[in-house]
PDB file of N, CA and C in Angstrom:
ATOM      1  N   MET A   1      56.951  89.796 144.481  1.00  0.00           N
ATOM      2  CA  MET A   1      56.448  91.139 144.308  1.00  0.00           C
ATOM      3  C   MET A   1      55.159  91.121 143.475  1.00  0.00           C
ATOM      4  N   HIS A   2      55.123  90.240 142.444  1.00  0.00           N
ATOM      5  CA  HIS A   2      53.923  90.175 141.604  1.00  0.00           C
ATOM      6  C   HIS A   2      52.687  89.876 142.461  1.00  0.00           C
ATOM      7  N   THR A   3      52.815  88.857 143.294  1.00  0.00           N
ATOM      8  CA  THR A   3      51.691  88.458 144.125  1.00  0.00           C
ATOM      9  C   THR A   3      51.378  89.518 145.175  1.00  0.00           C
ATOM     10  N   THR A   4      52.412  90.093 145.766  1.00  0.00           N
ATOM     11  CA  THR A   4      52.215  91.089 146.819  1.00  0.00           C
ATOM     12  C   THR A   4      51.394  92.265 146.318  1.00  0.00           C
ATOM     13  N   ILE A   5      51.726  92.803 145.154  1.00  0.00           N
ATOM     14  CA  ILE A   5      50.993  93.977 144.665  1.00  0.00           C
ATOM     15  C   ILE A   5      49.559  93.589 144.305  1.00  0.00           C
ATOM     16  N   SER A   6      49.370  92.408 143.751  1.00  0.00           N
ATOM     17  CA  SER A   6      48.010  91.972 143.403  1.00  0.00           C
ATOM     18  C   SER A   6      47.147  91.830 144.652  1.00  0.00           C
ATOM     19  N   VAL A   7      47.719  91.222 145.690  1.00  0.00           N
ATOM     20  CA  VAL A   7      46.974  91.053 146.938  1.00  0.00           C
ATOM     21  C   VAL A   7      46.696  92.408 147.574  1.00  0.00           C
ATOM     22  N   LEU A   8      47.678  93.299 147.577  1.00  0.00           N
ATOM     23  CA  LEU A   8      47.462  94.634 148.140  1.00  0.00           C
ATOM     24  C   LEU A   8      46.329  95.371 147.437  1.00  0.00           C
ATOM     25  N   GLU A   9      46.327  95.316 146.123  1.00  0.00           N
ATOM     26  CA  GLU A   9      45.248  95.975 145.379  1.00  0.00           C
ATOM     27  C   GLU A   9      43.896  95.376 145.733  1.00  0.00           C
ATOM     28  N   GLY A  10      43.855  94.055 145.880  1.00  0.00           N
ATOM     29  CA  GLY A  10      42.609  93.399 146.260  1.00  0.00           C
ATOM     30  C   GLY A  10      42.167  93.769 147.667  1.00  0.00           C
ATOM     31  N   LEU A  11      43.100  93.795 148.607  1.00  0.00           N
ATOM     32  CA  LEU A  11      42.765  94.182 149.976  1.00  0.00           C
ATOM     33  C   LEU A  11      42.301  95.631 150.058  1.00  0.00           C
ATOM     34  N   TRP A  12      42.925  96.491 149.264  1.00  0.00           N
ATOM     35  CA  TRP A  12      42.518  97.903 149.234  1.00  0.00           C
ATOM     36  C   TRP A  12      41.083  98.025 148.722  1.00  0.00           C
ATOM     37  N   GLU A  13      40.760  97.299 147.689  1.00  0.00           N
ATOM     38  CA  GLU A  13      39.390  97.309 147.171  1.00  0.00           C
ATOM     39  C   GLU A  13      38.414  96.745 148.206  1.00  0.00           C
ATOM     40  N   LEU A  14      38.798  95.655 148.845  1.00  0.00           N
ATOM     41  CA  LEU A  14      37.947  95.052 149.864  1.00  0.00           C
ATOM     42  C   LEU A  14      37.716  96.020 151.013  1.00  0.00           C
ATOM     43  N   GLU A  15      38.772  96.663 151.451  1.00  0.00           N
ATOM     44  CA  GLU A  15      38.654  97.609 152.551  1.00  0.00           C
ATOM     45  C   GLU A  15      37.713  98.762 152.190  1.00  0.00           C
ATOM     46  N   GLY A  16      37.734  99.163 150.930  1.00  0.00           N
ATOM     47  CA  GLY A  16      36.867 100.248 150.489  1.00  0.00           C
ATOM     48  C   GLY A  16      35.393  99.881 150.423  1.00  0.00           C
ATOM     49  N   THR A  17      35.097  98.584 150.328  1.00  0.00           N
ATOM     50  CA  THR A  17      33.703  98.158 150.216  1.00  0.00           C
ATOM     51  C   THR A  17      33.192  97.467 151.475  1.00  0.00           C
ATOM     52  N   TYR A  18      34.082  97.102 152.345  1.00  0.00           N
ATOM     53  CA  TYR A  18      33.734  96.395 153.574  1.00  0.00           C
ATOM     54  C   TYR A  18      33.133  97.389 154.560  1.00  0.00           C
ATOM     55  N   ARG A  19      32.055  97.048 155.174  1.00  0.00           N
ATOM     56  CA  ARG A  19      31.351  97.980 156.067  1.00  0.00           C
ATOM     57  C   ARG A  19      32.134  98.316 157.336  1.00  0.00           C
ATOM     58  N   GLU A  20      32.880  97.379 157.823  1.00  0.00           N
ATOM     59  CA  GLU A  20      33.663  97.614 159.031  1.00  0.00           C
ATOM     60  C   GLU A  20      35.142  97.493 158.680  1.00  0.00           C
ATOM     61  N   ASN A  21      35.962  98.381 159.211  1.00  0.00           N
ATOM     62  CA  ASN A  21      37.396  98.254 158.993  1.00  0.00           C
ATOM     63  C   ASN A  21      37.903  97.079 159.811  1.00  0.00           C
ATOM     64  N   ASP A  22      38.159  96.010 159.131  1.00  0.00           N
ATOM     65  CA  ASP A  22      38.635  94.788 159.772  1.00  0.00           C
ATOM     66  C   ASP A  22      40.125  94.955 160.063  1.00  0.00           C
ATOM     67  N   GLU A  23      40.493  94.836 161.302  1.00  0.00           N
ATOM     68  CA  GLU A  23      41.885  95.001 161.721  1.00  0.00           C
ATOM     69  C   GLU A  23      42.811  94.021 161.004  1.00  0.00           C
ATOM     70  N   ARG A  24      42.302  92.835 160.671  1.00  0.00           N
ATOM     71  CA  ARG A  24      43.133  91.848 159.966  1.00  0.00           C
ATOM     72  C   ARG A  24      43.538  92.361 158.590  1.00  0.00           C
ATOM     73  N   ILE A  25      42.617  93.054 157.907  1.00  0.00           N
ATOM     74  CA  ILE A  25      42.930  93.616 156.587  1.00  0.00           C
ATOM     75  C   ILE A  25      43.984  94.705 156.733  1.00  0.00           C
ATOM     76  N   LEU A  26      43.794  95.581 157.693  1.00  0.00           N
ATOM     77  CA  LEU A  26      44.746  96.671 157.908  1.00  0.00           C
ATOM     78  C   LEU A  26      46.143  96.133 158.240  1.00  0.00           C
ATOM     79  N   GLN A  27      46.210  95.131 159.096  1.00  0.00           N
ATOM     80  CA  GLN A  27      47.500  94.557 159.471  1.00  0.00           C
ATOM     81  C   GLN A  27      48.171  93.855 158.285  1.00  0.00           C
ATOM     82  N   ALA A  28      47.399  93.153 157.481  1.00  0.00           N
ATOM     83  CA  ALA A  28      47.960  92.487 156.301  1.00  0.00           C
ATOM     84  C   ALA A  28      48.524  93.515 155.329  1.00  0.00           C
ATOM     85  N   ARG A  29      47.800  94.607 155.137  1.00  0.00           N
ATOM     86  CA  ARG A  29      48.298  95.658 154.244  1.00  0.00           C
ATOM     87  C   ARG A  29      49.568  96.295 154.798  1.00  0.00           C
ATOM     88  N   LYS A  30      49.615  96.551 156.090  1.00  0.00           N
ATOM     89  CA  LYS A  30      50.811  97.145 156.696  1.00  0.00           C
ATOM     90  C   LYS A  30      52.035  96.254 156.490  1.00  0.00           C
ATOM     91  N   LYS A  31      51.859  94.956 156.678  1.00  0.00           N
ATOM     92  CA  LYS A  31      52.974  94.023 156.500  1.00  0.00           C
ATOM     93  C   LYS A  31      53.443  94.012 155.043  1.00  0.00           C
ATOM     94  N   ALA A  32      52.499  94.018 154.130  1.00  0.00           N
ATOM     95  CA  ALA A  32      52.852  94.009 152.703  1.00  0.00           C
ATOM     96  C   ALA A  32      53.501  95.333 152.299  1.00  0.00           C
ATOM     97  N   HIS A  33      53.016  96.448 152.853  1.00  0.00           N
ATOM     98  CA  HIS A  33      53.654  97.743 152.589  1.00  0.00           C
ATOM     99  C   HIS A  33      55.118  97.683 153.011  1.00  0.00           C
ATOM    100  N   GLU A  34      55.342  97.181 154.208  1.00  0.00           N
ATOM    101  CA  GLU A  34      56.709  97.108 154.731  1.00  0.00           C
ATOM    102  C   GLU A  34      57.572  96.205 153.858  1.00  0.00           C
ATOM    103  N   PHE A  35      57.012  95.109 153.381  1.00  0.00           N
ATOM    104  CA  PHE A  35      57.758  94.209 152.493  1.00  0.00           C
ATOM    105  C   PHE A  35      58.228  94.958 151.250  1.00  0.00           C
ATOM    106  N   LEU A  36      57.328  95.689 150.609  1.00  0.00           N
ATOM    107  CA  LEU A  36      57.713  96.437 149.413  1.00  0.00           C
ATOM    108  C   LEU A  36      58.711  97.544 149.748  1.00  0.00           C
ATOM    109  N   LEU A  37      58.496  98.208 150.861  1.00  0.00           N
ATOM    110  CA  LEU A  37      59.350  99.339 151.221  1.00  0.00           C
ATOM    111  C   LEU A  37      60.758  98.904 151.636  1.00  0.00           C
ATOM    112  N   ILE A  38      60.912  97.772 152.293  1.00  0.00           N
ATOM    113  CA  ILE A  38      62.270  97.351 152.641  1.00  0.00           C
ATOM    114  C   ILE A  38      63.069  96.999 151.382  1.00  0.00           C
ATOM    115  N   HIS A  39      62.344  96.762 150.293  1.00  0.00           N
ATOM    116  CA  HIS A  39      62.989  96.508 148.998  1.00  0.00           C
ATOM    117  C   HIS A  39      63.068  97.783 148.152  1.00  0.00           C
ATOM    118  N   HIS A  40      62.700  98.916 148.720  1.00  0.00           N
ATOM    119  CA  HIS A  40      62.699 100.191 147.994  1.00  0.00           C
ATOM    120  C   HIS A  40      61.949 100.047 146.671  1.00  0.00           C
ATOM    121  N   LEU A  41      60.978  99.170 146.660  1.00  0.00           N
ATOM    122  CA  LEU A  41      60.061  98.854 145.564  1.00  0.00           C
ATOM    123  C   LEU A  41      60.696  98.034 144.433  1.00  0.00           C
ATOM    124  N   PHE A  42      62.044  97.913 144.403  1.00  0.00           N
ATOM    125  CA  PHE A  42      62.631  97.128 143.312  1.00  0.00           C
ATOM    126  C   PHE A  42      64.033  96.597 143.585  1.00  0.00           C
ATOM    127  N   ARG A  43      64.556  96.758 144.780  1.00  0.00           N
ATOM    128  CA  ARG A  43      65.922  96.327 145.083  1.00  0.00           C
ATOM    129  C   ARG A  43      65.938  95.181 146.105  1.00  0.00           C
ATOM    130  N   SER A  44      66.982  94.403 146.047  1.00  0.00           N
ATOM    131  CA  SER A  44      67.176  93.351 147.041  1.00  0.00           C
ATOM    132  C   SER A  44      67.439  93.995 148.395  1.00  0.00           C
ATOM    133  N   ASP A  45      66.803  93.483 149.418  1.00  0.00           N
ATOM    134  CA  ASP A  45      67.048  94.023 150.751  1.00  0.00           C
ATOM    135  C   ASP A  45      68.393  93.532 151.305  1.00  0.00           C
ATOM    136  N   ARG A  46      68.981  92.538 150.684  1.00  0.00           N
ATOM    137  CA  ARG A  46      70.276  92.014 151.147  1.00  0.00           C
ATOM    138  C   ARG A  46      71.445  92.626 150.404  1.00  0.00           C
ATOM    139  N   THR A  47      71.338  92.726 149.080  1.00  0.00           N
ATOM    140  CA  THR A  47      72.475  93.187 148.282  1.00  0.00           C
ATOM    141  C   THR A  47      72.312  94.612 147.770  1.00  0.00           C
ATOM    142  N   GLY A  48      71.088  95.096 147.719  1.00  0.00           N
ATOM    143  CA  GLY A  48      70.840  96.424 147.168  1.00  0.00           C
ATOM    144  C   GLY A  48      70.768  96.450 145.648  1.00  0.00           C
ATOM    145  N   LYS A  49      70.969  95.303 145.026  1.00  0.00           N
ATOM    146  CA  LYS A  49      70.915  95.233 143.559  1.00  0.00           C
ATOM    147  C   LYS A  49      69.473  95.216 143.079  1.00  0.00           C
ATOM    148  N   ILE A  50      69.269  95.682 141.858  1.00  0.00           N
ATOM    149  CA  ILE A  50      67.940  95.638 141.254  1.00  0.00           C
ATOM    150  C   ILE A  50      67.543  94.174 141.084  1.00  0.00           C
ATOM    151  N   ILE A  51      66.375  93.825 141.590  1.00  0.00           N
ATOM    152  CA  ILE A  51      65.913  92.438 141.546  1.00  0.00           C
ATOM    153  C   ILE A  51      65.611  92.023 140.116  1.00  0.00           C
ATOM    154  N   ASN A  52      64.860  92.867 139.407  1.00  0.00           N
ATOM    155  CA  ASN A  52      64.470  92.569 138.030  1.00  0.00           C
ATOM    156  C   ASN A  52      64.433  93.896 137.269  1.00  0.00           C
ATOM    157  N   PRO A  53      65.340  94.099 136.307  1.00  0.00           N
ATOM    158  CA  PRO A  53      65.374  95.363 135.573  1.00  0.00           C
ATOM    159  C   PRO A  53      64.056  95.714 134.872  1.00  0.00           C
ATOM    160  N   LYS A  54      63.248  94.713 134.548  1.00  0.00           N
ATOM    161  CA  LYS A  54      61.954  94.977 133.914  1.00  0.00           C
ATOM    162  C   LYS A  54      61.055  95.821 134.811  1.00  0.00           C
ATOM    163  N   TRP A  55      61.255  95.744 136.115  1.00  0.00           N
ATOM    164  CA  TRP A  55      60.413  96.478 137.049  1.00  0.00           C
ATOM    165  C   TRP A  55      60.614  97.985 136.946  1.00  0.00           C
ATOM    166  N   THR A  56      61.681  98.416 136.299  1.00  0.00           N
ATOM    167  CA  THR A  56      61.939  99.850 136.151  1.00  0.00           C
ATOM    168  C   THR A  56      61.632 100.357 134.742  1.00  0.00           C
ATOM    169  N   ARG A  57      61.084  99.513 133.891  1.00  0.00           N
ATOM    170  CA  ARG A  57      60.840  99.896 132.490  1.00  0.00           C
ATOM    171  C   ARG A  57      59.477 100.514 132.238  1.00  0.00           C
ATOM    172  N   LEU A  58      58.567 100.428 133.156  1.00  0.00           N
ATOM    173  CA  LEU A  58      57.252 101.068 133.082  1.00  0.00           C
ATOM    174  C   LEU A  58      56.496 100.715 131.798  1.00  0.00           C
ATOM    175  N   PRO A  59      56.057  99.499 131.684  1.00  0.00           N
ATOM    176  CA  PRO A  59      55.390  99.054 130.449  1.00  0.00           C
ATOM    177  C   PRO A  59      54.044  99.732 130.233  1.00  0.00           C
ATOM    178  N   PHE A  60      53.670  99.824 128.974  1.00  0.00           N
ATOM    179  CA  PHE A  60      52.344 100.315 128.619  1.00  0.00           C
ATOM    180  C   PHE A  60      51.794  99.396 127.552  1.00  0.00           C
ATOM    181  N   PRO A  61      50.579  98.932 127.719  1.00  0.00           N
ATOM    182  CA  PRO A  61      49.729  99.123 128.895  1.00  0.00           C
ATOM    183  C   PRO A  61      50.227  98.263 130.049  1.00  0.00           C
ATOM    184  N   GLN A  62      49.828  98.644 131.259  1.00  0.00           N
ATOM    185  CA  GLN A  62      50.207  97.841 132.419  1.00  0.00           C
ATOM    186  C   GLN A  62      49.543  96.482 132.328  1.00  0.00           C
ATOM    187  N   ARG A  63      50.224  95.505 132.822  1.00  0.00           N
ATOM    188  CA  ARG A  63      49.730  94.129 132.835  1.00  0.00           C
ATOM    189  C   ARG A  63      49.631  93.649 134.270  1.00  0.00           C
ATOM    190  N   TRP A  64      49.492  92.343 134.438  1.00  0.00           N
ATOM    191  CA  TRP A  64      49.350  91.757 135.760  1.00  0.00           C
ATOM    192  C   TRP A  64      50.639  91.775 136.555  1.00  0.00           C
ATOM    193  N   TYR A  65      51.784  91.875 135.871  1.00  0.00           N
ATOM    194  CA  TYR A  65      53.047  91.746 136.577  1.00  0.00           C
ATOM    195  C   TYR A  65      53.454  93.052 137.266  1.00  0.00           C
ATOM    196  N   TYR A  66      54.388  92.908 138.156  1.00  0.00           N
ATOM    197  CA  TYR A  66      54.834  94.001 139.013  1.00  0.00           C
ATOM    198  C   TYR A  66      55.763  94.952 138.266  1.00  0.00           C
ATOM    199  N   ASP A  67      55.666  96.228 138.576  1.00  0.00           N
ATOM    200  CA  ASP A  67      56.661  97.222 138.185  1.00  0.00           C
ATOM    201  C   ASP A  67      56.561  98.386 139.169  1.00  0.00           C
ATOM    202  N   THR A  68      57.574  99.235 139.172  1.00  0.00           N
ATOM    203  CA  THR A  68      57.624 100.304 140.172  1.00  0.00           C
ATOM    204  C   THR A  68      56.486 101.310 140.012  1.00  0.00           C
ATOM    205  N   LEU A  69      56.070 101.580 138.796  1.00  0.00           N
ATOM    206  CA  LEU A  69      54.955 102.512 138.602  1.00  0.00           C
ATOM    207  C   LEU A  69      53.677 101.954 139.218  1.00  0.00           C
ATOM    208  N   ARG A  70      53.437 100.686 139.031  1.00  0.00           N
ATOM    209  CA  ARG A  70      52.243 100.067 139.622  1.00  0.00           C
ATOM    210  C   ARG A  70      52.286 100.182 141.144  1.00  0.00           C
ATOM    211  N   ALA A  71      53.449  99.952 141.738  1.00  0.00           N
ATOM    212  CA  ALA A  71      53.582 100.075 143.191  1.00  0.00           C
ATOM    213  C   ALA A  71      53.366 101.517 143.638  1.00  0.00           C
ATOM    214  N   LEU A  72      53.962 102.463 142.925  1.00  0.00           N
ATOM    215  CA  LEU A  72      53.778 103.875 143.282  1.00  0.00           C
ATOM    216  C   LEU A  72      52.316 104.289 143.131  1.00  0.00           C
ATOM    217  N   ASP A  73      51.668 103.828 142.067  1.00  0.00           N
ATOM    218  CA  ASP A  73      50.236 104.116 141.887  1.00  0.00           C
ATOM    219  C   ASP A  73      49.426 103.577 143.060  1.00  0.00           C
ATOM    220  N   TYR A  74      49.729 102.364 143.475  1.00  0.00           N
ATOM    221  CA  TYR A  74      49.015 101.766 144.598  1.00  0.00           C
ATOM    222  C   TYR A  74      49.189 102.605 145.865  1.00  0.00           C
ATOM    223  N   PHE A  75      50.425 102.938 146.200  1.00  0.00           N
ATOM    224  CA  PHE A  75      50.682 103.712 147.415  1.00  0.00           C
ATOM    225  C   PHE A  75      49.978 105.070 147.362  1.00  0.00           C
ATOM    226  N   ARG A  76      49.941 105.680 146.186  1.00  0.00           N
ATOM    227  CA  ARG A  76      49.226 106.952 146.033  1.00  0.00           C
ATOM    228  C   ARG A  76      47.728 106.749 146.221  1.00  0.00           C
ATOM    229  N   ASP A  77      47.176 105.746 145.562  1.00  0.00           N
ATOM    230  CA  ASP A  77      45.730 105.508 145.608  1.00  0.00           C
ATOM    231  C   ASP A  77      45.226 105.229 147.018  1.00  0.00           C
ATOM    232  N   CYS A  78      46.019 104.542 147.821  1.00  0.00           N
ATOM    233  CA  CYS A  78      45.559 104.197 149.172  1.00  0.00           C
ATOM    234  C   CYS A  78      46.013 105.219 150.218  1.00  0.00           C
ATOM    235  N   ASN A  79      46.556 106.336 149.751  1.00  0.00           N
ATOM    236  CA  ASN A  79      46.989 107.407 150.667  1.00  0.00           C
ATOM    237  C   ASN A  79      47.929 106.889 151.745  1.00  0.00           C
ATOM    238  N   ALA A  80      48.906 106.107 151.340  1.00  0.00           N
ATOM    239  CA  ALA A  80      49.823 105.481 152.290  1.00  0.00           C
ATOM    240  C   ALA A  80      50.774 106.474 152.937  1.00  0.00           C
ATOM    241  N   GLY A  81      50.903 107.631 152.360  1.00  0.00           N
ATOM    242  CA  GLY A  81      51.822 108.616 152.918  1.00  0.00           C
ATOM    243  C   GLY A  81      53.213 108.462 152.339  1.00  0.00           C
ATOM    244  N   LYS A  82      54.012 109.478 152.566  1.00  0.00           N
ATOM    245  CA  LYS A  82      55.373 109.477 152.025  1.00  0.00           C
ATOM    246  C   LYS A  82      56.279 108.603 152.869  1.00  0.00           C
ATOM    247  N   ASP A  83      57.206 107.974 152.186  1.00  0.00           N
ATOM    248  CA  ASP A  83      58.224 107.173 152.852  1.00  0.00           C
ATOM    249  C   ASP A  83      59.502 107.341 152.036  1.00  0.00           C
ATOM    250  N   GLN A  84      60.585 107.645 152.711  1.00  0.00           N
ATOM    251  CA  GLN A  84      61.852 107.895 152.028  1.00  0.00           C
ATOM    252  C   GLN A  84      62.293 106.713 151.171  1.00  0.00           C
ATOM    253  N   ARG A  85      61.836 105.520 151.512  1.00  0.00           N
ATOM    254  CA  ARG A  85      62.243 104.333 150.752  1.00  0.00           C
ATOM    255  C   ARG A  85      61.614 104.273 149.370  1.00  0.00           C
ATOM    256  N   MET A  86      60.681 105.165 149.071  1.00  0.00           N
ATOM    257  CA  MET A  86      60.089 105.258 147.730  1.00  0.00           C
ATOM    258  C   MET A  86      60.881 106.200 146.826  1.00  0.00           C
ATOM    259  N   ALA A  87      61.795 106.957 147.399  1.00  0.00           N
ATOM    260  CA  ALA A  87      62.467 108.040 146.672  1.00  0.00           C
ATOM    261  C   ALA A  87      63.154 107.572 145.395  1.00  0.00           C
ATOM    262  N   GLU A  88      63.875 106.476 145.461  1.00  0.00           N
ATOM    263  CA  GLU A  88      64.580 106.024 144.269  1.00  0.00           C
ATOM    264  C   GLU A  88      63.619 105.583 143.170  1.00  0.00           C
ATOM    265  N   ALA A  89      62.530 104.942 143.543  1.00  0.00           N
ATOM    266  CA  ALA A  89      61.527 104.542 142.544  1.00  0.00           C
ATOM    267  C   ALA A  89      60.912 105.783 141.892  1.00  0.00           C
ATOM    268  N   ILE A  90      60.705 106.830 142.669  1.00  0.00           N
ATOM    269  CA  ILE A  90      60.190 108.082 142.112  1.00  0.00           C
ATOM    270  C   ILE A  90      61.217 108.699 141.172  1.00  0.00           C
ATOM    271  N   GLU A  91      62.488 108.629 141.540  1.00  0.00           N
ATOM    272  CA  GLU A  91      63.549 109.126 140.659  1.00  0.00           C
ATOM    273  C   GLU A  91      63.571 108.368 139.337  1.00  0.00           C
ATOM    274  N   VAL A  92      63.386 107.045 139.394  1.00  0.00           N
ATOM    275  CA  VAL A  92      63.325 106.234 138.169  1.00  0.00           C
ATOM    276  C   VAL A  92      62.179 106.731 137.293  1.00  0.00           C
ATOM    277  N   LEU A  93      61.030 106.957 137.901  1.00  0.00           N
ATOM    278  CA  LEU A  93      59.868 107.451 137.164  1.00  0.00           C
ATOM    279  C   LEU A  93      60.163 108.807 136.538  1.00  0.00           C
ATOM    280  N   MET A  94      60.743 109.707 137.300  1.00  0.00           N
ATOM    281  CA  MET A  94      61.045 111.046 136.792  1.00  0.00           C
ATOM    282  C   MET A  94      62.081 110.997 135.671  1.00  0.00           C
ATOM    283  N   SER A  95      63.033 110.079 135.750  1.00  0.00           N
ATOM    284  CA  SER A  95      64.039 109.960 134.698  1.00  0.00           C
ATOM    285  C   SER A  95      63.406 109.503 133.389  1.00  0.00           C
ATOM    286  N   LYS A  96      62.366 108.690 133.473  1.00  0.00           N
ATOM    287  CA  LYS A  96      61.662 108.245 132.267  1.00  0.00           C
ATOM    288  C   LYS A  96      60.979 109.418 131.592  1.00  0.00           C
ATOM    289  N   GLU A  97      60.425 110.308 132.398  1.00  0.00           N
ATOM    290  CA  GLU A  97      59.770 111.492 131.855  1.00  0.00           C
ATOM    291  C   GLU A  97      60.787 112.377 131.141  1.00  0.00           C
ATOM    292  N   LYS A  98      61.953 112.562 131.740  1.00  0.00           N
ATOM    293  CA  LYS A  98      63.002 113.395 131.148  1.00  0.00           C
ATOM    294  C   LYS A  98      63.530 112.787 129.872  1.00  0.00           C
ATOM    295  N   ASP A  99      63.600 111.449 129.827  1.00  0.00           N
ATOM    296  CA  ASP A  99      64.110 110.744 128.649  1.00  0.00           C
ATOM    297  C   ASP A  99      63.068 110.644 127.548  1.00  0.00           C
ATOM    298  N   GLY A 100      61.829 111.018 127.847  1.00  0.00           N
ATOM    299  CA  GLY A 100      60.755 110.926 126.857  1.00  0.00           C
ATOM    300  C   GLY A 100      60.256 109.508 126.655  1.00  0.00           C
ATOM    301  N   GLN A 101      60.460 108.660 127.627  1.00  0.00           N
ATOM    302  CA  GLN A 101      60.021 107.263 127.494  1.00  0.00           C
ATOM    303  C   GLN A 101      58.635 107.072 128.034  1.00  0.00           C
TER     304      GLN A 101
END
């Protein structure tokens, strides 16, 4: 997940500065989006268990490593559209706000 989000952010930046929309970039991003989404941004696609509890802690300041807020920020920034598989990650974010964290 750490590498996936870093590469996605880089591809998004490249796509924004590249003069022609290269289909290879778009396809790579779509595959990576699907990878994150089948994991609901933080769960095992096989067991449904949280892969790494740190991914739901929303560190400040953000660092190089993966967390659900970073993934949600990325999807928002690139206008990826809504997907029901993001719902639980959004709930985690909203619960942090309610808890004052």
